[in-house]
Amino acid sequence: AVIEVKDREAEIRDRFQRVIEEMTFDQLAGTEGKKNLTDTLRRSANQVLTKGKLRRVFIKTAIVKP
């Protein structure tokens, strides 16, 4: 899966950006919102991958403004 993610990095990054753009501040606020975001990002990436699947997505930095 690591090789496939590296090969499709631009496509996955674009999908992540689109998912994040669609979410509102209220959806991302709090621990539950960030967990929901990581689950949504994981599902979005797994729709693109054919040889492997992501099990977890980690958020390194999150800046959320209303």
PDB file of N, CA and C in Angstrom:
ATOM      1  N   ALA A   1       0.822  -1.197   0.000  1.00  0.00           N
ATOM      2  CA  ALA A   1       0.000   0.000   0.000  1.00  0.00           C
ATOM      3  C   ALA A   1       0.864   1.259   0.000  1.00  0.00           C
ATOM      4  N   VAL A   2       2.023   1.198   0.639  1.00  0.00           N
ATOM      5  CA  VAL A   2       2.890   2.373   0.730  1.00  0.00           C
ATOM      6  C   VAL A   2       3.352   2.814  -0.656  1.00  0.00           C
ATOM      7  N   ILE A   3       3.730   1.872  -1.479  1.00  0.00           N
ATOM      8  CA  ILE A   3       4.187   2.206  -2.837  1.00  0.00           C
ATOM      9  C   ILE A   3       3.051   2.800  -3.653  1.00  0.00           C
ATOM     10  N   GLU A   4       1.869   2.207  -3.537  1.00  0.00           N
ATOM     11  CA  GLU A   4       0.720   2.724  -4.285  1.00  0.00           C
ATOM     12  C   GLU A   4       0.343   4.129  -3.813  1.00  0.00           C
ATOM     13  N   VAL A   5       0.376   4.355  -2.511  1.00  0.00           N
ATOM     14  CA  VAL A   5       0.069   5.695  -1.985  1.00  0.00           C
ATOM     15  C   VAL A   5       1.089   6.695  -2.512  1.00  0.00           C
ATOM     16  N   LYS A   6       2.362   6.321  -2.528  1.00  0.00           N
ATOM     17  CA  LYS A   6       3.409   7.217  -3.037  1.00  0.00           C
ATOM     18  C   LYS A   6       3.188   7.515  -4.519  1.00  0.00           C
ATOM     19  N   ASP A   7       2.816   6.484  -5.292  1.00  0.00           N
ATOM     20  CA  ASP A   7       2.569   6.672  -6.730  1.00  0.00           C
ATOM     21  C   ASP A   7       1.354   7.549  -6.994  1.00  0.00           C
ATOM     22  N   ARG A   8       0.351   7.492  -6.119  1.00  0.00           N
ATOM     23  CA  ARG A   8      -0.890   8.245  -6.311  1.00  0.00           C
ATOM     24  C   ARG A   8      -1.009   9.414  -5.332  1.00  0.00           C
ATOM     25  N   GLU A   9       0.120   9.899  -4.859  1.00  0.00           N
ATOM     26  CA  GLU A   9       0.119  10.938  -3.838  1.00  0.00           C
ATOM     27  C   GLU A   9      -0.669  12.179  -4.255  1.00  0.00           C
ATOM     28  N   ALA A  10      -0.497  12.635  -5.473  1.00  0.00           N
ATOM     29  CA  ALA A  10      -1.202  13.836  -5.938  1.00  0.00           C
ATOM     30  C   ALA A  10      -2.715  13.611  -5.947  1.00  0.00           C
ATOM     31  N   GLU A  11      -3.138  12.452  -6.387  1.00  0.00           N
ATOM     32  CA  GLU A  11      -4.570  12.141  -6.445  1.00  0.00           C
ATOM     33  C   GLU A  11      -5.170  12.052  -5.036  1.00  0.00           C
ATOM     34  N   ILE A  12      -4.459  11.404  -4.138  1.00  0.00           N
ATOM     35  CA  ILE A  12      -4.947  11.270  -2.764  1.00  0.00           C
ATOM     36  C   ILE A  12      -4.948  12.615  -2.065  1.00  0.00           C
ATOM     37  N   ARG A  13      -3.913  13.413  -2.282  1.00  0.00           N
ATOM     38  CA  ARG A  13      -3.861  14.753  -1.686  1.00  0.00           C
ATOM     39  C   ARG A  13      -5.037  15.603  -2.168  1.00  0.00           C
ATOM     40  N   ASP A  14      -5.371  15.501  -3.449  1.00  0.00           N
ATOM     41  CA  ASP A  14      -6.501  16.239  -4.001  1.00  0.00           C
ATOM     42  C   ASP A  14      -7.818  15.774  -3.368  1.00  0.00           C
ATOM     43  N   ARG A  15      -7.989  14.472  -3.202  1.00  0.00           N
ATOM     44  CA  ARG A  15      -9.199  13.950  -2.560  1.00  0.00           C
ATOM     45  C   ARG A  15      -9.299  14.428  -1.120  1.00  0.00           C
ATOM     46  N   PHE A  16      -8.165  14.432  -0.395  1.00  0.00           N
ATOM     47  CA  PHE A  16      -8.166  14.910   0.982  1.00  0.00           C
ATOM     48  C   PHE A  16      -8.579  16.372   1.034  1.00  0.00           C
ATOM     49  N   GLN A  17      -8.044  17.178   0.128  1.00  0.00           N
ATOM     50  CA  GLN A  17      -8.370  18.606   0.107  1.00  0.00           C
ATOM     51  C   GLN A  17      -9.864  18.819  -0.144  1.00  0.00           C
ATOM     52  N   ARG A  18     -10.426  18.062  -1.057  1.00  0.00           N
ATOM     53  CA  ARG A  18     -11.859  18.193  -1.356  1.00  0.00           C
ATOM     54  C   ARG A  18     -12.729  17.800  -0.168  1.00  0.00           C
ATOM     55  N   VAL A  19     -12.337  16.734   0.537  1.00  0.00           N
ATOM     56  CA  VAL A  19     -13.087  16.304   1.729  1.00  0.00           C
ATOM     57  C   VAL A  19     -13.051  17.389   2.786  1.00  0.00           C
ATOM     58  N   ILE A  20     -11.873  17.946   3.032  1.00  0.00           N
ATOM     59  CA  ILE A  20     -11.713  18.976   4.058  1.00  0.00           C
ATOM     60  C   ILE A  20     -12.496  20.232   3.696  1.00  0.00           C
ATOM     61  N   GLU A  21     -12.489  20.607   2.427  1.00  0.00           N
ATOM     62  CA  GLU A  21     -13.219  21.796   1.986  1.00  0.00           C
ATOM     63  C   GLU A  21     -14.723  21.657   2.216  1.00  0.00           C
ATOM     64  N   GLU A  22     -15.246  20.450   2.125  1.00  0.00           N
ATOM     65  CA  GLU A  22     -16.685  20.231   2.270  1.00  0.00           C
ATOM     66  C   GLU A  22     -17.148  20.255   3.719  1.00  0.00           C
ATOM     67  N   MET A  23     -16.235  20.140   4.672  1.00  0.00           N
ATOM     68  CA  MET A  23     -16.614  20.089   6.082  1.00  0.00           C
ATOM     69  C   MET A  23     -16.676  21.498   6.675  1.00  0.00           C
ATOM     70  N   THR A  24     -17.580  21.679   7.609  1.00  0.00           N
ATOM     71  CA  THR A  24     -17.737  22.970   8.264  1.00  0.00           C
ATOM     72  C   THR A  24     -16.939  22.995   9.567  1.00  0.00           C
ATOM     73  N   PHE A  25     -16.819  24.194  10.144  1.00  0.00           N
ATOM     74  CA  PHE A  25     -16.119  24.351  11.414  1.00  0.00           C
ATOM     75  C   PHE A  25     -16.763  23.488  12.495  1.00  0.00           C
ATOM     76  N   ASP A  26     -18.081  23.497  12.552  1.00  0.00           N
ATOM     77  CA  ASP A  26     -18.792  22.728  13.579  1.00  0.00           C
ATOM     78  C   ASP A  26     -18.543  21.228  13.438  1.00  0.00           C
ATOM     79  N   GLN A  27     -18.380  20.749  12.201  1.00  0.00           N
ATOM     80  CA  GLN A  27     -18.119  19.332  11.987  1.00  0.00           C
ATOM     81  C   GLN A  27     -16.710  18.944  12.438  1.00  0.00           C
ATOM     82  N   LEU A  28     -15.764  19.883  12.363  1.00  0.00           N
ATOM     83  CA  LEU A  28     -14.372  19.589  12.699  1.00  0.00           C
ATOM     84  C   LEU A  28     -14.012  19.909  14.145  1.00  0.00           C
ATOM     85  N   ALA A  29     -14.857  20.632  14.840  1.00  0.00           N
ATOM     86  CA  ALA A  29     -14.543  21.054  16.203  1.00  0.00           C
ATOM     87  C   ALA A  29     -14.572  19.851  17.146  1.00  0.00           C
ATOM     88  N   GLY A  30     -13.631  19.817  18.055  1.00  0.00           N
ATOM     89  CA  GLY A  30     -13.604  18.782  19.086  1.00  0.00           C
ATOM     90  C   GLY A  30     -12.961  17.487  18.636  1.00  0.00           C
ATOM     91  N   THR A  31     -12.791  16.610  19.590  1.00  0.00           N
ATOM     92  CA  THR A  31     -12.145  15.324  19.346  1.00  0.00           C
ATOM     93  C   THR A  31     -12.964  14.449  18.401  1.00  0.00           C
ATOM     94  N   GLU A  32     -14.268  14.445  18.593  1.00  0.00           N
ATOM     95  CA  GLU A  32     -15.133  13.622  17.744  1.00  0.00           C
ATOM     96  C   GLU A  32     -15.091  14.094  16.290  1.00  0.00           C
ATOM     97  N   GLY A  33     -15.003  15.399  16.082  1.00  0.00           N
ATOM     98  CA  GLY A  33     -14.919  15.940  14.731  1.00  0.00           C
ATOM     99  C   GLY A  33     -13.639  15.526  14.026  1.00  0.00           C
ATOM    100  N   LYS A  34     -12.534  15.539  14.744  1.00  0.00           N
ATOM    101  CA  LYS A  34     -11.259  15.131  14.153  1.00  0.00           C
ATOM    102  C   LYS A  34     -11.235  13.631  13.867  1.00  0.00           C
ATOM    103  N   LYS A  35     -11.867  12.840  14.731  1.00  0.00           N
ATOM    104  CA  LYS A  35     -11.964  11.400  14.480  1.00  0.00           C
ATOM    105  C   LYS A  35     -12.818  11.148  13.243  1.00  0.00           C
ATOM    106  N   ASN A  36     -13.901  11.886  13.109  1.00  0.00           N
ATOM    107  CA  ASN A  36     -14.756  11.772  11.931  1.00  0.00           C
ATOM    108  C   ASN A  36     -13.980  12.147  10.672  1.00  0.00           C
ATOM    109  N   LEU A  37     -13.165  13.197  10.761  1.00  0.00           N
ATOM    110  CA  LEU A  37     -12.354  13.622   9.616  1.00  0.00           C
ATOM    111  C   LEU A  37     -11.380  12.526   9.209  1.00  0.00           C
ATOM    112  N   THR A  38     -10.659  11.935  10.161  1.00  0.00           N
ATOM    113  CA  THR A  38      -9.691  10.897   9.814  1.00  0.00           C
ATOM    114  C   THR A  38     -10.390   9.677   9.210  1.00  0.00           C
ATOM    115  N   ASP A  39     -11.565   9.322   9.720  1.00  0.00           N
ATOM    116  CA  ASP A  39     -12.314   8.197   9.147  1.00  0.00           C
ATOM    117  C   ASP A  39     -12.752   8.501   7.722  1.00  0.00           C
ATOM    118  N   THR A  40     -13.205   9.720   7.487  1.00  0.00           N
ATOM    119  CA  THR A  40     -13.641  10.121   6.146  1.00  0.00           C
ATOM    120  C   THR A  40     -12.463  10.143   5.177  1.00  0.00           C
ATOM    121  N   LEU A  41     -11.311  10.647   5.621  1.00  0.00           N
ATOM    122  CA  LEU A  41     -10.118  10.666   4.773  1.00  0.00           C
ATOM    123  C   LEU A  41      -9.656   9.256   4.436  1.00  0.00           C
ATOM    124  N   ARG A  42      -9.700   8.366   5.403  1.00  0.00           N
ATOM    125  CA  ARG A  42      -9.302   6.976   5.182  1.00  0.00           C
ATOM    126  C   ARG A  42     -10.199   6.310   4.140  1.00  0.00           C
ATOM    127  N   ARG A  43     -11.505   6.488   4.296  1.00  0.00           N
ATOM    128  CA  ARG A  43     -12.444   5.900   3.327  1.00  0.00           C
ATOM    129  C   ARG A  43     -12.229   6.479   1.927  1.00  0.00           C
ATOM    130  N   SER A  44     -11.979   7.780   1.842  1.00  0.00           N
ATOM    131  CA  SER A  44     -11.769   8.429   0.556  1.00  0.00           C
ATOM    132  C   SER A  44     -10.515   7.882  -0.130  1.00  0.00           C
ATOM    133  N   ALA A  45      -9.444   7.733   0.617  1.00  0.00           N
ATOM    134  CA  ALA A  45      -8.203   7.198   0.046  1.00  0.00           C
ATOM    135  C   ALA A  45      -8.377   5.743  -0.367  1.00  0.00           C
ATOM    136  N   ASN A  46      -9.088   4.970   0.417  1.00  0.00           N
ATOM    137  CA  ASN A  46      -9.282   3.552   0.101  1.00  0.00           C
ATOM    138  C   ASN A  46     -10.124   3.346  -1.157  1.00  0.00           C
ATOM    139  N   GLN A  47     -10.933   4.323  -1.525  1.00  0.00           N
ATOM    140  CA  GLN A  47     -11.707   4.225  -2.766  1.00  0.00           C
ATOM    141  C   GLN A  47     -10.791   4.277  -3.980  1.00  0.00           C
ATOM    142  N   VAL A  48      -9.651   4.937  -3.843  1.00  0.00           N
ATOM    143  CA  VAL A  48      -8.708   5.097  -4.944  1.00  0.00           C
ATOM    144  C   VAL A  48      -7.730   3.919  -5.029  1.00  0.00           C
ATOM    145  N   LEU A  49      -7.339   3.391  -3.894  1.00  0.00           N
ATOM    146  CA  LEU A  49      -6.318   2.345  -3.852  1.00  0.00           C
ATOM    147  C   LEU A  49      -6.864   1.016  -4.359  1.00  0.00           C
ATOM    148  N   THR A  50      -6.023   0.279  -5.105  1.00  0.00           N
ATOM    149  CA  THR A  50      -6.441  -1.005  -5.647  1.00  0.00           C
ATOM    150  C   THR A  50      -5.657  -2.177  -5.056  1.00  0.00           C
ATOM    151  N   LYS A  51      -4.410  -1.946  -4.636  1.00  0.00           N
ATOM    152  CA  LYS A  51      -3.562  -3.044  -4.165  1.00  0.00           C
ATOM    153  C   LYS A  51      -3.527  -3.166  -2.647  1.00  0.00           C
ATOM    154  N   GLY A  52      -3.891  -2.143  -1.947  1.00  0.00           N
ATOM    155  CA  GLY A  52      -3.841  -2.171  -0.492  1.00  0.00           C
ATOM    156  C   GLY A  52      -4.886  -1.247   0.090  1.00  0.00           C
ATOM    157  N   LYS A  53      -4.932  -1.189   1.388  1.00  0.00           N
ATOM    158  CA  LYS A  53      -5.896  -0.328   2.075  1.00  0.00           C
ATOM    159  C   LYS A  53      -5.202   0.384   3.226  1.00  0.00           C
ATOM    160  N   LEU A  54      -5.624   1.608   3.480  1.00  0.00           N
ATOM    161  CA  LEU A  54      -5.149   2.336   4.651  1.00  0.00           C
ATOM    162  C   LEU A  54      -5.955   1.884   5.857  1.00  0.00           C
ATOM    163  N   ARG A  55      -5.271   1.654   6.955  1.00  0.00           N
ATOM    164  CA  ARG A  55      -5.975   1.268   8.172  1.00  0.00           C
ATOM    165  C   ARG A  55      -6.224   2.465   9.064  1.00  0.00           C
ATOM    166  N   ARG A  56      -5.280   3.423   9.084  1.00  0.00           N
ATOM    167  CA  ARG A  56      -5.427   4.604   9.926  1.00  0.00           C
ATOM    168  C   ARG A  56      -4.827   5.817   9.229  1.00  0.00           C
ATOM    169  N   VAL A  57      -5.389   6.973   9.535  1.00  0.00           N
ATOM    170  CA  VAL A  57      -4.879   8.255   9.055  1.00  0.00           C
ATOM    171  C   VAL A  57      -4.606   9.109  10.280  1.00  0.00           C
ATOM    172  N   PHE A  58      -3.443   9.729  10.318  1.00  0.00           N
ATOM    173  CA  PHE A  58      -3.074  10.592  11.431  1.00  0.00           C
ATOM    174  C   PHE A  58      -3.031  12.041  10.967  1.00  0.00           C
ATOM    175  N   ILE A  59      -3.474  12.941  11.835  1.00  0.00           N
ATOM    176  CA  ILE A  59      -3.415  14.374  11.553  1.00  0.00           C
ATOM    177  C   ILE A  59      -2.232  14.936  12.323  1.00  0.00           C
ATOM    178  N   LYS A  60      -1.267  15.461  11.594  1.00  0.00           N
ATOM    179  CA  LYS A  60      -0.069  16.008  12.230  1.00  0.00           C
ATOM    180  C   LYS A  60      -0.352  17.370  12.848  1.00  0.00           C
ATOM    181  N   THR A  61      -0.972  18.260  12.083  1.00  0.00           N
ATOM    182  CA  THR A  61      -1.291  19.597  12.542  1.00  0.00           C
ATOM    183  C   THR A  61      -2.699  19.963  12.085  1.00  0.00           C
ATOM    184  N   ALA A  62      -3.473  20.546  12.986  1.00  0.00           N
ATOM    185  CA  ALA A  62      -4.823  20.967  12.630  1.00  0.00           C
ATOM    186  C   ALA A  62      -5.042  22.387  13.131  1.00  0.00           C
ATOM    187  N   ILE A  63      -5.331  23.278  12.205  1.00  0.00           N
ATOM    188  CA  ILE A  63      -5.673  24.660  12.545  1.00  0.00           C
ATOM    189  C   ILE A  63      -7.102  24.870  12.071  1.00  0.00           C
ATOM    190  N   VAL A  64      -7.999  25.017  13.011  1.00  0.00           N
ATOM    191  CA  VAL A  64      -9.425  25.149  12.701  1.00  0.00           C
ATOM    192  C   VAL A  64      -9.891  26.506  13.196  1.00  0.00           C
ATOM    193  N   LYS A  65     -10.412  27.317  12.276  1.00  0.00           N
ATOM    194  CA  LYS A  65     -10.902  28.649  12.626  1.00  0.00           C
ATOM    195  C   LYS A  65     -12.373  28.755  12.243  1.00  0.00           C
ATOM    196  N   PRO A  66     -13.169  29.434  13.066  1.00  0.00           N
ATOM    197  CA  PRO A  66     -14.589  29.607  12.722  1.00  0.00           C
ATOM    198  C   PRO A  66     -14.785  30.594  11.583  1.00  0.00           C
TER     199      PRO A  66
END
